[in-house]
């Protein structure tokens, strides 16, 4: 049975981690992904690398970014604005997880 730890929750989306099985759940727009740690980490890395890329469109609402997922035939298709929002969600969740890990070191 999953025991979710909330890492990020906002109007834009959320990230939770199951302390029992170690899977992450990322909810964003109309998409819900359940990922193993390796896939979640890779998603964070891909989004971070895309966010630093050059935007060739003047309108940041044009969908121009394809983000692969570990599921065959399933990709995220995002505008620059959506990509920035997803990056914010994943970055905040990662920071929250790092803070929790540091706090747990003091509790040992």
N, C-alpha and C. Protein backbone atom coordinates (compact mmCIF):
# COMPACT_ATOMS: atom_id res chain seq x y z
N UNK A 1 0.84 -1.18 0.00
CA UNK A 1 0.00 0.00 0.00
C UNK A 1 0.89 1.25 0.00
N UNK A 2 0.60 2.15 -0.87
CA UNK A 2 1.43 3.35 -1.00
C UNK A 2 1.26 4.30 0.19
N UNK A 3 2.38 4.89 0.58
CA UNK A 3 2.43 5.90 1.65
C UNK A 3 3.06 7.14 1.02
N UNK A 4 2.22 8.06 0.55
CA UNK A 4 2.72 9.19 -0.23
C UNK A 4 3.30 10.29 0.65
N UNK A 5 4.44 10.79 0.21
CA UNK A 5 5.08 11.96 0.79
C UNK A 5 4.93 13.08 -0.24
N UNK A 6 4.27 14.15 0.14
CA UNK A 6 4.05 15.27 -0.77
C UNK A 6 5.34 16.07 -0.91
N UNK A 7 5.85 16.18 -2.13
CA UNK A 7 7.06 16.94 -2.40
C UNK A 7 6.75 18.31 -2.98
N UNK A 8 5.68 18.40 -3.74
CA UNK A 8 5.25 19.68 -4.31
C UNK A 8 3.78 19.58 -4.64
N UNK A 9 3.06 20.65 -4.33
CA UNK A 9 1.64 20.72 -4.69
C UNK A 9 1.29 22.17 -4.96
N UNK A 10 0.75 22.45 -6.13
CA UNK A 10 0.31 23.80 -6.49
C UNK A 10 -0.79 23.70 -7.53
N UNK A 11 -1.28 24.85 -7.95
CA UNK A 11 -2.30 24.88 -9.01
C UNK A 11 -1.77 24.32 -10.32
N UNK A 12 -0.45 24.35 -10.50
CA UNK A 12 0.16 23.88 -11.74
C UNK A 12 0.28 22.36 -11.80
N UNK A 13 0.48 21.73 -10.64
CA UNK A 13 0.65 20.29 -10.61
C UNK A 13 1.22 19.83 -9.29
N UNK A 14 1.62 18.57 -9.25
CA UNK A 14 2.17 18.04 -8.01
C UNK A 14 3.18 16.94 -8.26
N UNK A 15 3.98 16.67 -7.22
CA UNK A 15 4.90 15.54 -7.20
C UNK A 15 4.78 14.90 -5.83
N UNK A 16 4.52 13.60 -5.81
CA UNK A 16 4.52 12.84 -4.57
C UNK A 16 5.43 11.64 -4.75
N UNK A 17 5.94 11.15 -3.61
CA UNK A 17 6.79 9.96 -3.62
C UNK A 17 6.19 8.95 -2.66
N UNK A 18 6.14 7.71 -3.08
CA UNK A 18 5.65 6.64 -2.21
C UNK A 18 6.83 6.14 -1.38
N UNK A 19 6.72 6.28 -0.07
CA UNK A 19 7.80 5.81 0.81
C UNK A 19 7.84 4.30 0.89
N UNK A 20 6.76 3.62 0.50
CA UNK A 20 6.73 2.15 0.53
C UNK A 20 7.44 1.54 -0.68
N UNK A 21 7.09 2.00 -1.89
CA UNK A 21 7.65 1.38 -3.10
C UNK A 21 8.71 2.24 -3.79
N UNK A 22 8.82 3.52 -3.41
CA UNK A 22 9.84 4.40 -3.99
C UNK A 22 9.47 5.04 -5.31
N UNK A 23 8.26 4.80 -5.79
CA UNK A 23 7.83 5.41 -7.05
C UNK A 23 7.41 6.86 -6.83
N UNK A 24 7.55 7.64 -7.89
CA UNK A 24 7.15 9.04 -7.89
C UNK A 24 5.91 9.19 -8.78
N UNK A 25 5.05 10.11 -8.41
CA UNK A 25 3.90 10.41 -9.23
C UNK A 25 3.95 11.90 -9.55
N UNK A 26 3.93 12.22 -10.84
CA UNK A 26 3.99 13.60 -11.30
C UNK A 26 2.67 13.90 -12.02
N UNK A 27 1.94 14.87 -11.49
CA UNK A 27 0.70 15.32 -12.10
C UNK A 27 0.92 16.70 -12.68
N UNK A 28 0.68 16.84 -13.98
CA UNK A 28 0.89 18.12 -14.64
C UNK A 28 -0.08 18.23 -15.81
N UNK A 29 -0.80 19.35 -15.87
CA UNK A 29 -1.82 19.59 -16.91
C UNK A 29 -2.79 18.40 -16.91
N UNK A 30 -2.95 17.72 -18.01
CA UNK A 30 -3.86 16.58 -18.07
C UNK A 30 -3.09 15.26 -18.05
N UNK A 31 -1.85 15.29 -17.56
CA UNK A 31 -0.99 14.11 -17.58
C UNK A 31 -0.64 13.68 -16.16
N UNK A 32 -0.65 12.38 -15.95
CA UNK A 32 -0.24 11.80 -14.68
C UNK A 32 0.76 10.69 -14.99
N UNK A 33 1.99 10.85 -14.49
CA UNK A 33 3.05 9.86 -14.71
C UNK A 33 3.44 9.22 -13.39
N UNK A 34 3.54 7.90 -13.38
CA UNK A 34 4.08 7.17 -12.24
C UNK A 34 5.42 6.62 -12.68
N UNK A 35 6.49 7.01 -11.96
CA UNK A 35 7.85 6.74 -12.43
C UNK A 35 8.72 6.11 -11.34
N UNK A 36 9.59 5.20 -11.76
CA UNK A 36 10.64 4.71 -10.87
C UNK A 36 11.62 5.86 -10.65
N UNK A 37 12.45 5.78 -9.59
CA UNK A 37 13.37 6.86 -9.28
C UNK A 37 14.25 7.22 -10.47
N UNK A 38 14.79 6.22 -11.17
CA UNK A 38 15.69 6.47 -12.30
C UNK A 38 14.98 7.27 -13.39
N UNK A 39 13.73 6.90 -13.67
CA UNK A 39 12.97 7.60 -14.71
C UNK A 39 12.58 9.01 -14.27
N UNK A 40 12.25 9.16 -13.00
CA UNK A 40 11.92 10.49 -12.45
C UNK A 40 13.14 11.40 -12.53
N UNK A 41 14.29 10.87 -12.15
CA UNK A 41 15.53 11.64 -12.19
C UNK A 41 15.87 12.04 -13.63
N UNK A 42 15.69 11.12 -14.55
CA UNK A 42 15.94 11.40 -15.97
C UNK A 42 14.97 12.47 -16.49
N UNK A 43 13.70 12.40 -16.09
CA UNK A 43 12.73 13.43 -16.49
C UNK A 43 13.17 14.80 -15.99
N UNK A 44 13.60 14.88 -14.74
CA UNK A 44 14.09 16.14 -14.18
C UNK A 44 15.26 16.68 -15.00
N UNK A 45 16.20 15.79 -15.33
CA UNK A 45 17.38 16.19 -16.10
C UNK A 45 17.00 16.68 -17.51
N UNK A 46 16.10 15.97 -18.17
CA UNK A 46 15.68 16.35 -19.52
C UNK A 46 15.00 17.71 -19.50
N UNK A 47 14.08 17.90 -18.56
CA UNK A 47 13.36 19.17 -18.48
C UNK A 47 14.33 20.30 -18.17
N UNK A 48 15.27 20.07 -17.26
CA UNK A 48 16.26 21.10 -16.91
C UNK A 48 17.13 21.45 -18.12
N UNK A 49 17.50 20.46 -18.91
CA UNK A 49 18.34 20.74 -20.08
C UNK A 49 17.55 21.48 -21.16
N UNK A 50 16.27 21.17 -21.30
CA UNK A 50 15.43 21.85 -22.30
C UNK A 50 15.16 23.29 -21.90
N UNK A 51 15.03 23.55 -20.60
CA UNK A 51 14.68 24.88 -20.13
C UNK A 51 15.81 25.87 -20.41
N UNK A 52 17.03 25.40 -20.51
CA UNK A 52 18.16 26.28 -20.79
C UNK A 52 18.39 26.44 -22.28
N UNK A 53 17.62 25.70 -23.09
CA UNK A 53 17.77 25.77 -24.53
C UNK A 53 17.25 27.09 -25.09
N UNK A 54 17.57 27.33 -26.32
CA UNK A 54 17.17 28.57 -26.98
C UNK A 54 15.73 28.46 -27.48
N UNK A 55 14.93 29.45 -27.17
CA UNK A 55 13.54 29.51 -27.63
C UNK A 55 13.50 30.22 -28.98
N UNK A 56 13.11 29.50 -30.01
CA UNK A 56 13.10 30.10 -31.35
C UNK A 56 11.73 30.68 -31.71
N UNK A 57 10.77 30.61 -30.78
CA UNK A 57 9.44 31.14 -31.05
C UNK A 57 9.21 32.40 -30.23
N UNK A 58 8.58 33.38 -30.83
CA UNK A 58 8.25 34.61 -30.11
C UNK A 58 7.09 34.37 -29.14
N UNK A 59 6.20 33.47 -29.47
CA UNK A 59 5.03 33.17 -28.65
C UNK A 59 5.35 31.95 -27.78
N UNK A 60 5.40 32.14 -26.47
CA UNK A 60 5.79 31.04 -25.58
C UNK A 60 4.66 30.06 -25.33
N UNK A 61 3.51 30.24 -26.03
CA UNK A 61 2.41 29.29 -25.87
C UNK A 61 2.38 28.25 -27.00
N UNK A 62 3.28 28.38 -27.97
CA UNK A 62 3.36 27.41 -29.07
C UNK A 62 4.03 26.15 -28.56
N UNK A 63 3.38 25.02 -28.74
CA UNK A 63 3.93 23.74 -28.30
C UNK A 63 5.09 23.35 -29.23
N UNK A 64 6.29 23.33 -28.66
CA UNK A 64 7.47 23.06 -29.48
C UNK A 64 8.46 22.13 -28.80
N UNK A 65 8.16 21.69 -27.58
CA UNK A 65 9.08 20.85 -26.82
C UNK A 65 8.52 19.45 -26.64
N UNK A 66 9.28 18.47 -27.07
CA UNK A 66 8.88 17.07 -26.90
C UNK A 66 9.75 16.49 -25.79
N UNK A 67 9.10 16.01 -24.74
CA UNK A 67 9.80 15.42 -23.60
C UNK A 67 9.47 13.93 -23.58
N UNK A 68 10.45 13.07 -23.76
CA UNK A 68 10.17 11.63 -23.77
C UNK A 68 9.84 11.12 -22.37
N UNK A 69 9.04 10.08 -22.32
CA UNK A 69 8.74 9.39 -21.07
C UNK A 69 9.21 7.93 -21.23
N UNK A 70 9.26 7.19 -20.14
CA UNK A 70 9.69 5.79 -20.27
C UNK A 70 8.64 4.88 -20.90
N UNK A 71 7.49 5.42 -21.24
CA UNK A 71 6.41 4.62 -21.81
C UNK A 71 6.43 4.71 -23.33
N UNK A 72 6.46 3.57 -23.98
CA UNK A 72 6.56 3.51 -25.43
C UNK A 72 5.42 4.29 -26.08
N UNK A 73 5.79 5.23 -26.93
CA UNK A 73 4.82 6.02 -27.67
C UNK A 73 4.20 7.16 -26.90
N UNK A 74 4.67 7.41 -25.67
CA UNK A 74 4.10 8.49 -24.86
C UNK A 74 5.17 9.55 -24.61
N UNK A 75 4.90 10.76 -25.08
CA UNK A 75 5.78 11.91 -24.88
C UNK A 75 4.95 13.07 -24.36
N UNK A 76 5.59 13.99 -23.67
CA UNK A 76 4.94 15.23 -23.29
C UNK A 76 5.21 16.24 -24.40
N UNK A 77 4.21 16.97 -24.81
CA UNK A 77 4.32 17.97 -25.87
C UNK A 77 3.96 19.30 -25.24
N UNK A 78 4.97 20.13 -24.97
CA UNK A 78 4.80 21.32 -24.14
C UNK A 78 5.24 22.60 -24.82
N UNK A 79 4.57 23.68 -24.46
CA UNK A 79 5.01 25.01 -24.89
C UNK A 79 6.14 25.45 -23.96
N UNK A 80 6.78 26.56 -24.29
CA UNK A 80 7.84 27.10 -23.42
C UNK A 80 7.28 27.42 -22.04
N UNK A 81 6.08 27.97 -22.01
CA UNK A 81 5.44 28.32 -20.74
C UNK A 81 5.18 27.06 -19.91
N UNK A 82 4.64 26.03 -20.53
CA UNK A 82 4.38 24.77 -19.83
C UNK A 82 5.67 24.11 -19.38
N UNK A 83 6.70 24.18 -20.22
CA UNK A 83 7.99 23.62 -19.85
C UNK A 83 8.55 24.31 -18.61
N UNK A 84 8.44 25.63 -18.56
CA UNK A 84 8.91 26.39 -17.40
C UNK A 84 8.11 26.01 -16.15
N UNK A 85 6.81 25.82 -16.31
CA UNK A 85 5.97 25.42 -15.18
C UNK A 85 6.35 24.03 -14.68
N UNK A 86 6.55 23.08 -15.60
CA UNK A 86 6.95 21.74 -15.20
C UNK A 86 8.31 21.77 -14.53
N UNK A 87 9.23 22.56 -15.06
CA UNK A 87 10.55 22.69 -14.45
C UNK A 87 10.42 23.21 -13.02
N UNK A 88 9.58 24.20 -12.81
CA UNK A 88 9.37 24.75 -11.47
C UNK A 88 8.85 23.68 -10.51
N UNK A 89 7.89 22.89 -10.97
CA UNK A 89 7.32 21.82 -10.15
C UNK A 89 8.38 20.81 -9.77
N UNK A 90 9.13 20.33 -10.77
CA UNK A 90 10.15 19.31 -10.52
C UNK A 90 11.29 19.86 -9.66
N UNK A 91 11.69 21.10 -9.90
CA UNK A 91 12.77 21.70 -9.13
C UNK A 91 12.36 21.90 -7.67
N UNK A 92 11.15 22.38 -7.44
CA UNK A 92 10.65 22.56 -6.07
C UNK A 92 10.57 21.21 -5.35
N UNK A 93 10.09 20.18 -6.05
CA UNK A 93 9.99 18.85 -5.45
C UNK A 93 11.37 18.31 -5.10
N UNK A 94 12.32 18.51 -5.98
CA UNK A 94 13.69 18.04 -5.74
C UNK A 94 14.30 18.75 -4.53
N UNK A 95 14.09 20.04 -4.44
CA UNK A 95 14.59 20.81 -3.30
C UNK A 95 13.95 20.32 -2.01
N UNK A 96 12.66 20.08 -2.02
CA UNK A 96 11.95 19.59 -0.84
C UNK A 96 12.50 18.23 -0.40
N UNK A 97 12.78 17.38 -1.38
CA UNK A 97 13.32 16.05 -1.07
C UNK A 97 14.72 16.15 -0.47
N UNK A 98 15.54 17.06 -1.00
CA UNK A 98 16.89 17.25 -0.46
C UNK A 98 16.84 17.80 0.97
N UNK A 99 15.94 18.73 1.23
CA UNK A 99 15.79 19.29 2.58
C UNK A 99 15.36 18.19 3.55
N UNK A 100 14.40 17.38 3.16
CA UNK A 100 13.93 16.28 4.02
C UNK A 100 15.07 15.30 4.31
N UNK A 101 15.90 15.03 3.32
CA UNK A 101 17.03 14.12 3.51
C UNK A 101 18.04 14.71 4.50
N UNK A 102 18.29 16.01 4.41
CA UNK A 102 19.21 16.66 5.35
C UNK A 102 18.65 16.65 6.76
N UNK A 103 17.37 16.93 6.89
CA UNK A 103 16.73 16.93 8.21
C UNK A 103 16.79 15.54 8.83
N UNK A 104 16.61 14.52 8.01
CA UNK A 104 16.65 13.15 8.55
C UNK A 104 18.05 12.79 9.06
N UNK A 105 19.08 13.40 8.52
CA UNK A 105 20.44 13.16 9.02
C UNK A 105 20.59 13.65 10.47
N UNK A 106 19.91 14.74 10.81
CA UNK A 106 19.98 15.27 12.16
C UNK A 106 19.14 14.45 13.14
N UNK A 107 18.16 13.72 12.62
CA UNK A 107 17.28 12.93 13.46
C UNK A 107 17.85 11.54 13.77
N UNK A 108 18.94 11.19 13.14
CA UNK A 108 19.51 9.85 13.36
C UNK A 108 20.38 9.80 14.59
